[in-house]
């Protein structure tokens, strides 16, 4: 994604923003979904439960095909037993 590592942006849900300003949180998360879609990625993984919910809400609101998953879930699905 264009904004990553030290320049990465929040999903918009942190610090109680989603609870207090749900529309703003959704708009910020929608921007992150757009950035992820531009990379042609199939998955967007996060370790944060707040990001997981907010990004899923944004993807759903945009009819995005991007799969939003917990990074542990992604890791587990790709383990070879």
PDB file of N, CA and C in Angstrom:
ATOM      1  N   UNK A   1       0.838  -1.172   0.000  1.00  0.00           N
ATOM      2  CA  UNK A   1       0.000   0.000   0.000  1.00  0.00           C
ATOM      3  C   UNK A   1       0.887   1.240   0.000  1.00  0.00           C
ATOM      4  N   UNK A   2       0.389   2.276  -0.577  1.00  0.00           N
ATOM      5  CA  UNK A   2       1.159   3.510  -0.699  1.00  0.00           C
ATOM      6  C   UNK A   2       1.600   4.031   0.672  1.00  0.00           C
ATOM      7  N   UNK A   3       0.683   4.044   1.609  1.00  0.00           N
ATOM      8  CA  UNK A   3       1.022   4.490   2.959  1.00  0.00           C
ATOM      9  C   UNK A   3       1.252   3.238   3.809  1.00  0.00           C
ATOM     10  N   UNK A   4       2.497   3.019   4.209  1.00  0.00           N
ATOM     11  CA  UNK A   4       2.806   1.842   5.005  1.00  0.00           C
ATOM     12  C   UNK A   4       3.948   2.129   5.966  1.00  0.00           C
ATOM     13  N   UNK A   5       4.224   1.185   6.812  1.00  0.00           N
ATOM     14  CA  UNK A   5       5.273   1.263   7.830  1.00  0.00           C
ATOM     15  C   UNK A   5       5.144   2.558   8.623  1.00  0.00           C
ATOM     16  N   UNK A   6       6.164   3.381   8.661  1.00  0.00           N
ATOM     17  CA  UNK A   6       6.139   4.609   9.459  1.00  0.00           C
ATOM     18  C   UNK A   6       5.093   5.604   8.955  1.00  0.00           C
ATOM     19  N   UNK A   7       4.659   5.447   7.710  1.00  0.00           N
ATOM     20  CA  UNK A   7       3.690   6.382   7.127  1.00  0.00           C
ATOM     21  C   UNK A   7       2.280   5.803   7.047  1.00  0.00           C
ATOM     22  N   UNK A   8       2.081   4.659   7.675  1.00  0.00           N
ATOM     23  CA  UNK A   8       0.780   3.997   7.625  1.00  0.00           C
ATOM     24  C   UNK A   8      -0.281   4.820   8.347  1.00  0.00           C
ATOM     25  N   UNK A   9      -1.494   4.711   7.865  1.00  0.00           N
ATOM     26  CA  UNK A   9      -2.617   5.403   8.488  1.00  0.00           C
ATOM     27  C   UNK A   9      -3.448   4.438   9.311  1.00  0.00           C
ATOM     28  N   UNK A  10      -4.101   4.964  10.294  1.00  0.00           N
ATOM     29  CA  UNK A  10      -5.026   4.209  11.132  1.00  0.00           C
ATOM     30  C   UNK A  10      -6.257   3.829  10.315  1.00  0.00           C
ATOM     31  N   UNK A  11      -6.949   2.801  10.754  1.00  0.00           N
ATOM     32  CA  UNK A  11      -8.188   2.400  10.079  1.00  0.00           C
ATOM     33  C   UNK A  11      -9.332   3.352  10.428  1.00  0.00           C
ATOM     34  N   UNK A  12      -9.163   4.127  11.483  1.00  0.00           N
ATOM     35  CA  UNK A  12     -10.191   5.084  11.874  1.00  0.00           C
ATOM     36  C   UNK A  12     -10.998   4.695  13.091  1.00  0.00           C
ATOM     37  N   UNK A  13     -10.815   3.484  13.607  1.00  0.00           N
ATOM     38  CA  UNK A  13     -11.644   3.026  14.720  1.00  0.00           C
ATOM     39  C   UNK A  13     -10.991   3.190  16.081  1.00  0.00           C
ATOM     40  N   UNK A  14      -9.705   3.423  16.103  1.00  0.00           N
ATOM     41  CA  UNK A  14      -8.974   3.465  17.366  1.00  0.00           C
ATOM     42  C   UNK A  14      -9.364   4.619  18.279  1.00  0.00           C
ATOM     43  N   UNK A  15      -9.044   4.466  19.540  1.00  0.00           N
ATOM     44  CA  UNK A  15      -9.265   5.515  20.524  1.00  0.00           C
ATOM     45  C   UNK A  15     -10.722   5.871  20.749  1.00  0.00           C
ATOM     46  N   UNK A  16     -11.617   4.945  20.461  1.00  0.00           N
ATOM     47  CA  UNK A  16     -13.034   5.189  20.659  1.00  0.00           C
ATOM     48  C   UNK A  16     -13.694   6.008  19.561  1.00  0.00           C
ATOM     49  N   UNK A  17     -12.970   6.267  18.480  1.00  0.00           N
ATOM     50  CA  UNK A  17     -13.520   7.069  17.382  1.00  0.00           C
ATOM     51  C   UNK A  17     -14.756   6.399  16.787  1.00  0.00           C
ATOM     52  N   UNK A  18     -14.691   5.074  16.596  1.00  0.00           N
ATOM     53  CA  UNK A  18     -15.836   4.376  16.004  1.00  0.00           C
ATOM     54  C   UNK A  18     -17.081   4.512  16.878  1.00  0.00           C
ATOM     55  N   UNK A  19     -16.896   4.515  18.182  1.00  0.00           N
ATOM     56  CA  UNK A  19     -18.033   4.661  19.092  1.00  0.00           C
ATOM     57  C   UNK A  19     -18.600   6.077  19.072  1.00  0.00           C
ATOM     58  N   UNK A  20     -17.724   7.060  19.043  1.00  0.00           N
ATOM     59  CA  UNK A  20     -18.160   8.453  19.125  1.00  0.00           C
ATOM     60  C   UNK A  20     -18.488   9.068  17.765  1.00  0.00           C
ATOM     61  N   UNK A  21     -17.754   8.673  16.725  1.00  0.00           N
ATOM     62  CA  UNK A  21     -17.906   9.277  15.402  1.00  0.00           C
ATOM     63  C   UNK A  21     -17.892   8.192  14.336  1.00  0.00           C
ATOM     64  N   UNK A  22     -18.906   7.356  14.326  1.00  0.00           N
ATOM     65  CA  UNK A  22     -18.909   6.177  13.452  1.00  0.00           C
ATOM     66  C   UNK A  22     -18.801   6.537  11.967  1.00  0.00           C
ATOM     67  N   UNK A  23     -19.390   7.651  11.551  1.00  0.00           N
ATOM     68  CA  UNK A  23     -19.310   8.042  10.140  1.00  0.00           C
ATOM     69  C   UNK A  23     -17.883   8.390   9.736  1.00  0.00           C
ATOM     70  N   UNK A  24     -17.179   9.093  10.606  1.00  0.00           N
ATOM     71  CA  UNK A  24     -15.788   9.459  10.327  1.00  0.00           C
ATOM     72  C   UNK A  24     -14.922   8.201  10.286  1.00  0.00           C
ATOM     73  N   UNK A  25     -15.137   7.309  11.234  1.00  0.00           N
ATOM     74  CA  UNK A  25     -14.369   6.060  11.273  1.00  0.00           C
ATOM     75  C   UNK A  25     -14.581   5.262   9.981  1.00  0.00           C
ATOM     76  N   UNK A  26     -15.809   5.207   9.512  1.00  0.00           N
ATOM     77  CA  UNK A  26     -16.111   4.467   8.290  1.00  0.00           C
ATOM     78  C   UNK A  26     -15.448   5.119   7.075  1.00  0.00           C
ATOM     79  N   UNK A  27     -15.481   6.431   6.986  1.00  0.00           N
ATOM     80  CA  UNK A  27     -14.848   7.137   5.862  1.00  0.00           C
ATOM     81  C   UNK A  27     -13.341   6.883   5.819  1.00  0.00           C
ATOM     82  N   UNK A  28     -12.701   6.927   6.973  1.00  0.00           N
ATOM     83  CA  UNK A  28     -11.262   6.685   7.034  1.00  0.00           C
ATOM     84  C   UNK A  28     -10.964   5.247   6.601  1.00  0.00           C
ATOM     85  N   UNK A  29     -11.753   4.324   7.086  1.00  0.00           N
ATOM     86  CA  UNK A  29     -11.556   2.921   6.742  1.00  0.00           C
ATOM     87  C   UNK A  29     -11.812   2.659   5.257  1.00  0.00           C
ATOM     88  N   UNK A  30     -12.755   3.355   4.684  1.00  0.00           N
ATOM     89  CA  UNK A  30     -13.023   3.213   3.254  1.00  0.00           C
ATOM     90  C   UNK A  30     -11.811   3.647   2.428  1.00  0.00           C
ATOM     91  N   UNK A  31     -11.106   4.667   2.883  1.00  0.00           N
ATOM     92  CA  UNK A  31      -9.879   5.100   2.197  1.00  0.00           C
ATOM     93  C   UNK A  31      -8.830   3.997   2.242  1.00  0.00           C
ATOM     94  N   UNK A  32      -8.712   3.335   3.381  1.00  0.00           N
ATOM     95  CA  UNK A  32      -7.753   2.234   3.508  1.00  0.00           C
ATOM     96  C   UNK A  32      -8.137   1.079   2.579  1.00  0.00           C
ATOM     97  N   UNK A  33      -9.432   0.796   2.460  1.00  0.00           N
ATOM     98  CA  UNK A  33      -9.899  -0.262   1.556  1.00  0.00           C
ATOM     99  C   UNK A  33      -9.533   0.095   0.113  1.00  0.00           C
ATOM    100  N   UNK A  34      -9.747   1.343  -0.273  1.00  0.00           N
ATOM    101  CA  UNK A  34      -9.397   1.779  -1.630  1.00  0.00           C
ATOM    102  C   UNK A  34      -7.908   1.585  -1.897  1.00  0.00           C
ATOM    103  N   UNK A  35      -7.077   1.947  -0.924  1.00  0.00           N
ATOM    104  CA  UNK A  35      -5.634   1.781  -1.077  1.00  0.00           C
ATOM    105  C   UNK A  35      -5.271   0.308  -1.242  1.00  0.00           C
ATOM    106  N   UNK A  36      -5.892  -0.548  -0.457  1.00  0.00           N
ATOM    107  CA  UNK A  36      -5.610  -1.983  -0.542  1.00  0.00           C
ATOM    108  C   UNK A  36      -6.071  -2.541  -1.886  1.00  0.00           C
ATOM    109  N   UNK A  37      -7.211  -2.099  -2.367  1.00  0.00           N
ATOM    110  CA  UNK A  37      -7.725  -2.571  -3.659  1.00  0.00           C
ATOM    111  C   UNK A  37      -6.791  -2.176  -4.806  1.00  0.00           C
ATOM    112  N   UNK A  38      -6.160  -1.028  -4.696  1.00  0.00           N
ATOM    113  CA  UNK A  38      -5.244  -0.575  -5.740  1.00  0.00           C
ATOM    114  C   UNK A  38      -4.039  -1.498  -5.897  1.00  0.00           C
ATOM    115  N   UNK A  39      -3.722  -2.255  -4.853  1.00  0.00           N
ATOM    116  CA  UNK A  39      -2.588  -3.180  -4.919  1.00  0.00           C
ATOM    117  C   UNK A  39      -2.982  -4.507  -5.554  1.00  0.00           C
ATOM    118  N   UNK A  40      -4.273  -4.692  -5.818  1.00  0.00           N
ATOM    119  CA  UNK A  40      -4.810  -5.954  -6.352  1.00  0.00           C
ATOM    120  C   UNK A  40      -4.719  -7.088  -5.338  1.00  0.00           C
ATOM    121  N   UNK A  41      -4.604  -6.750  -4.063  1.00  0.00           N
ATOM    122  CA  UNK A  41      -4.548  -7.758  -3.004  1.00  0.00           C
ATOM    123  C   UNK A  41      -5.894  -8.463  -2.871  1.00  0.00           C
ATOM    124  N   UNK A  42      -5.853  -9.692  -2.434  1.00  0.00           N
ATOM    125  CA  UNK A  42      -7.075 -10.443  -2.152  1.00  0.00           C
ATOM    126  C   UNK A  42      -7.454 -10.322  -0.679  1.00  0.00           C
ATOM    127  N   UNK A  43      -6.443 -10.149   0.173  1.00  0.00           N
ATOM    128  CA  UNK A  43      -6.638 -10.102   1.615  1.00  0.00           C
ATOM    129  C   UNK A  43      -6.078  -8.808   2.186  1.00  0.00           C
ATOM    130  N   UNK A  44      -6.710  -8.353   3.263  1.00  0.00           N
ATOM    131  CA  UNK A  44      -6.175  -7.274   4.078  1.00  0.00           C
ATOM    132  C   UNK A  44      -6.178  -7.817   5.498  1.00  0.00           C
ATOM    133  N   UNK A  45      -4.996  -7.987   6.060  1.00  0.00           N
ATOM    134  CA  UNK A  45      -4.865  -8.603   7.381  1.00  0.00           C
ATOM    135  C   UNK A  45      -4.499  -7.563   8.426  1.00  0.00           C
ATOM    136  N   UNK A  46      -5.011  -7.774   9.633  1.00  0.00           N
ATOM    137  CA  UNK A  46      -4.723  -6.890  10.745  1.00  0.00           C
ATOM    138  C   UNK A  46      -4.644  -7.702  12.026  1.00  0.00           C
ATOM    139  N   UNK A  47      -3.916  -7.188  13.003  1.00  0.00           N
ATOM    140  CA  UNK A  47      -3.836  -7.820  14.311  1.00  0.00           C
ATOM    141  C   UNK A  47      -4.750  -7.122  15.313  1.00  0.00           C
ATOM    142  N   UNK A  48      -5.349  -6.020  14.908  1.00  0.00           N
ATOM    143  CA  UNK A  48      -6.175  -5.198  15.806  1.00  0.00           C
ATOM    144  C   UNK A  48      -7.657  -5.547  15.657  1.00  0.00           C
ATOM    145  N   UNK A  49      -8.331  -5.902  16.749  1.00  0.00           N
ATOM    146  CA  UNK A  49      -9.756  -6.227  16.653  1.00  0.00           C
ATOM    147  C   UNK A  49     -10.626  -5.036  16.235  1.00  0.00           C
ATOM    148  N   UNK A  50     -10.224  -3.828  16.598  1.00  0.00           N
ATOM    149  CA  UNK A  50     -10.977  -2.642  16.189  1.00  0.00           C
ATOM    150  C   UNK A  50     -10.849  -2.416  14.688  1.00  0.00           C
ATOM    151  N   UNK A  51      -9.638  -2.598  14.166  1.00  0.00           N
ATOM    152  CA  UNK A  51      -9.422  -2.482  12.718  1.00  0.00           C
ATOM    153  C   UNK A  51     -10.217  -3.550  11.977  1.00  0.00           C
ATOM    154  N   UNK A  52     -10.214  -4.750  12.494  1.00  0.00           N
ATOM    155  CA  UNK A  52     -10.914  -5.851  11.846  1.00  0.00           C
ATOM    156  C   UNK A  52     -12.386  -5.502  11.636  1.00  0.00           C
ATOM    157  N   UNK A  53     -13.036  -5.038  12.669  1.00  0.00           N
ATOM    158  CA  UNK A  53     -14.454  -4.681  12.578  1.00  0.00           C
ATOM    159  C   UNK A  53     -14.663  -3.498  11.639  1.00  0.00           C
ATOM    160  N   UNK A  54     -13.861  -2.456  11.803  1.00  0.00           N
ATOM    161  CA  UNK A  54     -14.042  -1.246  11.004  1.00  0.00           C
ATOM    162  C   UNK A  54     -13.752  -1.492   9.525  1.00  0.00           C
ATOM    163  N   UNK A  55     -12.697  -2.230   9.240  1.00  0.00           N
ATOM    164  CA  UNK A  55     -12.361  -2.528   7.845  1.00  0.00           C
ATOM    165  C   UNK A  55     -13.407  -3.431   7.206  1.00  0.00           C
ATOM    166  N   UNK A  56     -13.930  -4.388   7.968  1.00  0.00           N
ATOM    167  CA  UNK A  56     -15.006  -5.244   7.441  1.00  0.00           C
ATOM    168  C   UNK A  56     -16.245  -4.409   7.133  1.00  0.00           C
ATOM    169  N   UNK A  57     -16.588  -3.483   8.029  1.00  0.00           N
ATOM    170  CA  UNK A  57     -17.739  -2.599   7.788  1.00  0.00           C
ATOM    171  C   UNK A  57     -17.538  -1.775   6.523  1.00  0.00           C
ATOM    172  N   UNK A  58     -16.329  -1.246   6.341  1.00  0.00           N
ATOM    173  CA  UNK A  58     -16.033  -0.423   5.163  1.00  0.00           C
ATOM    174  C   UNK A  58     -16.099  -1.254   3.892  1.00  0.00           C
ATOM    175  N   UNK A  59     -15.496  -2.434   3.919  1.00  0.00           N
ATOM    176  CA  UNK A  59     -15.504  -3.306   2.734  1.00  0.00           C
ATOM    177  C   UNK A  59     -16.942  -3.666   2.348  1.00  0.00           C
ATOM    178  N   UNK A  60     -17.749  -3.954   3.345  1.00  0.00           N
ATOM    179  CA  UNK A  60     -19.158  -4.299   3.086  1.00  0.00           C
ATOM    180  C   UNK A  60     -19.903  -3.106   2.492  1.00  0.00           C
ATOM    181  N   UNK A  61     -19.671  -1.925   3.033  1.00  0.00           N
ATOM    182  CA  UNK A  61     -20.374  -0.728   2.548  1.00  0.00           C
ATOM    183  C   UNK A  61     -19.990  -0.378   1.114  1.00  0.00           C
ATOM    184  N   UNK A  62     -18.801  -0.838   0.692  1.00  0.00           N
ATOM    185  CA  UNK A  62     -18.295  -0.538  -0.644  1.00  0.00           C
ATOM    186  C   UNK A  62     -18.481  -1.705  -1.615  1.00  0.00           C
ATOM    187  N   UNK A  63     -19.082  -2.783  -1.139  1.00  0.00           N
ATOM    188  CA  UNK A  63     -19.212  -4.009  -1.940  1.00  0.00           C
ATOM    189  C   UNK A  63     -17.856  -4.488  -2.451  1.00  0.00           C
ATOM    190  N   UNK A  64     -16.850  -4.374  -1.603  1.00  0.00           N
ATOM    191  CA  UNK A  64     -15.493  -4.785  -1.964  1.00  0.00           C
ATOM    192  C   UNK A  64     -15.359  -6.300  -1.868  1.00  0.00           C
ATOM    193  N   UNK A  65     -14.566  -6.868  -2.759  1.00  0.00           N
ATOM    194  CA  UNK A  65     -14.269  -8.295  -2.719  1.00  0.00           C
ATOM    195  C   UNK A  65     -13.069  -8.607  -1.824  1.00  0.00           C
ATOM    196  N   UNK A  66     -12.464  -7.585  -1.263  1.00  0.00           N
ATOM    197  CA  UNK A  66     -11.310  -7.750  -0.385  1.00  0.00           C
ATOM    198  C   UNK A  66     -11.727  -8.534   0.854  1.00  0.00           C
ATOM    199  N   UNK A  67     -10.938  -9.537   1.208  1.00  0.00           N
ATOM    200  CA  UNK A  67     -11.214 -10.340   2.398  1.00  0.00           C
ATOM    201  C   UNK A  67     -10.445  -9.724   3.565  1.00  0.00           C
ATOM    202  N   UNK A  68     -11.162  -9.304   4.585  1.00  0.00           N
ATOM    203  CA  UNK A  68     -10.557  -8.694   5.759  1.00  0.00           C
ATOM    204  C   UNK A  68     -10.440  -9.783   6.820  1.00  0.00           C
ATOM    205  N   UNK A  69      -9.204 -10.051   7.252  1.00  0.00           N
ATOM    206  CA  UNK A  69      -8.992 -11.152   8.199  1.00  0.00           C
ATOM    207  C   UNK A  69      -8.021 -10.753   9.303  1.00  0.00           C
ATOM    208  N   UNK A  70      -8.145 -11.452  10.417  1.00  0.00           N
ATOM    209  CA  UNK A  70      -7.168 -11.335  11.491  1.00  0.00           C
ATOM    210  C   UNK A  70      -5.889 -12.004  10.993  1.00  0.00           C
ATOM    211  N   UNK A  71      -4.756 -11.420  11.260  1.00  0.00           N
ATOM    212  CA  UNK A  71      -3.493 -11.955  10.752  1.00  0.00           C
ATOM    213  C   UNK A  71      -3.249 -13.374  11.260  1.00  0.00           C
ATOM    214  N   UNK A  72      -3.698 -13.678  12.476  1.00  0.00           N
ATOM    215  CA  UNK A  72      -3.542 -15.033  13.012  1.00  0.00           C
ATOM    216  C   UNK A  72      -4.394 -16.012  12.207  1.00  0.00           C
ATOM    217  N   UNK A  73      -5.587 -15.584  11.822  1.00  0.00           N
ATOM    218  CA  UNK A  73      -6.460 -16.412  10.993  1.00  0.00           C
ATOM    219  C   UNK A  73      -5.793 -16.704   9.643  1.00  0.00           C
ATOM    220  N   UNK A  74      -5.209 -15.706   9.042  1.00  0.00           N
ATOM    221  CA  UNK A  74      -4.522 -15.879   7.765  1.00  0.00           C
ATOM    222  C   UNK A  74      -3.355 -16.850   7.905  1.00  0.00           C
ATOM    223  N   UNK A  75      -2.592 -16.693   8.963  1.00  0.00           N
ATOM    224  CA  UNK A  75      -1.479 -17.583   9.227  1.00  0.00           C
ATOM    225  C   UNK A  75      -1.970 -19.018   9.407  1.00  0.00           C
ATOM    226  N   UNK A  76      -3.006 -19.191  10.216  1.00  0.00           N
ATOM    227  CA  UNK A  76      -3.547 -20.524  10.490  1.00  0.00           C
ATOM    228  C   UNK A  76      -4.040 -21.196   9.209  1.00  0.00           C
ATOM    229  N   UNK A  77      -4.724 -20.467   8.363  1.00  0.00           N
ATOM    230  CA  UNK A  77      -5.262 -21.027   7.120  1.00  0.00           C
ATOM    231  C   UNK A  77      -4.156 -21.501   6.178  1.00  0.00           C
ATOM    232  N   UNK A  78      -2.952 -20.992   6.356  1.00  0.00           N
ATOM    233  CA  UNK A  78      -1.863 -21.335   5.451  1.00  0.00           C
ATOM    234  C   UNK A  78      -0.807 -22.245   6.076  1.00  0.00           C
ATOM    235  N   UNK A  79      -1.115 -22.783   7.250  1.00  0.00           N
ATOM    236  CA  UNK A  79      -0.203 -23.749   7.865  1.00  0.00           C
ATOM    237  C   UNK A  79      -0.263 -25.068   7.104  1.00  0.00           C
ATOM    238  N   UNK A  80       0.842 -25.701   6.994  1.00  0.00           N
ATOM    239  CA  UNK A  80       0.891 -27.025   6.360  1.00  0.00           C
ATOM    240  C   UNK A  80       1.034 -28.049   7.473  1.00  0.00           C
ATOM    241  N   UNK A  81       0.073 -28.921   7.585  1.00  0.00           N
ATOM    242  CA  UNK A  81       0.112 -29.948   8.646  1.00  0.00           C
ATOM    243  C   UNK A  81       0.635 -31.239   8.094  1.00  0.00           C
TER     244      UNK A  81
END
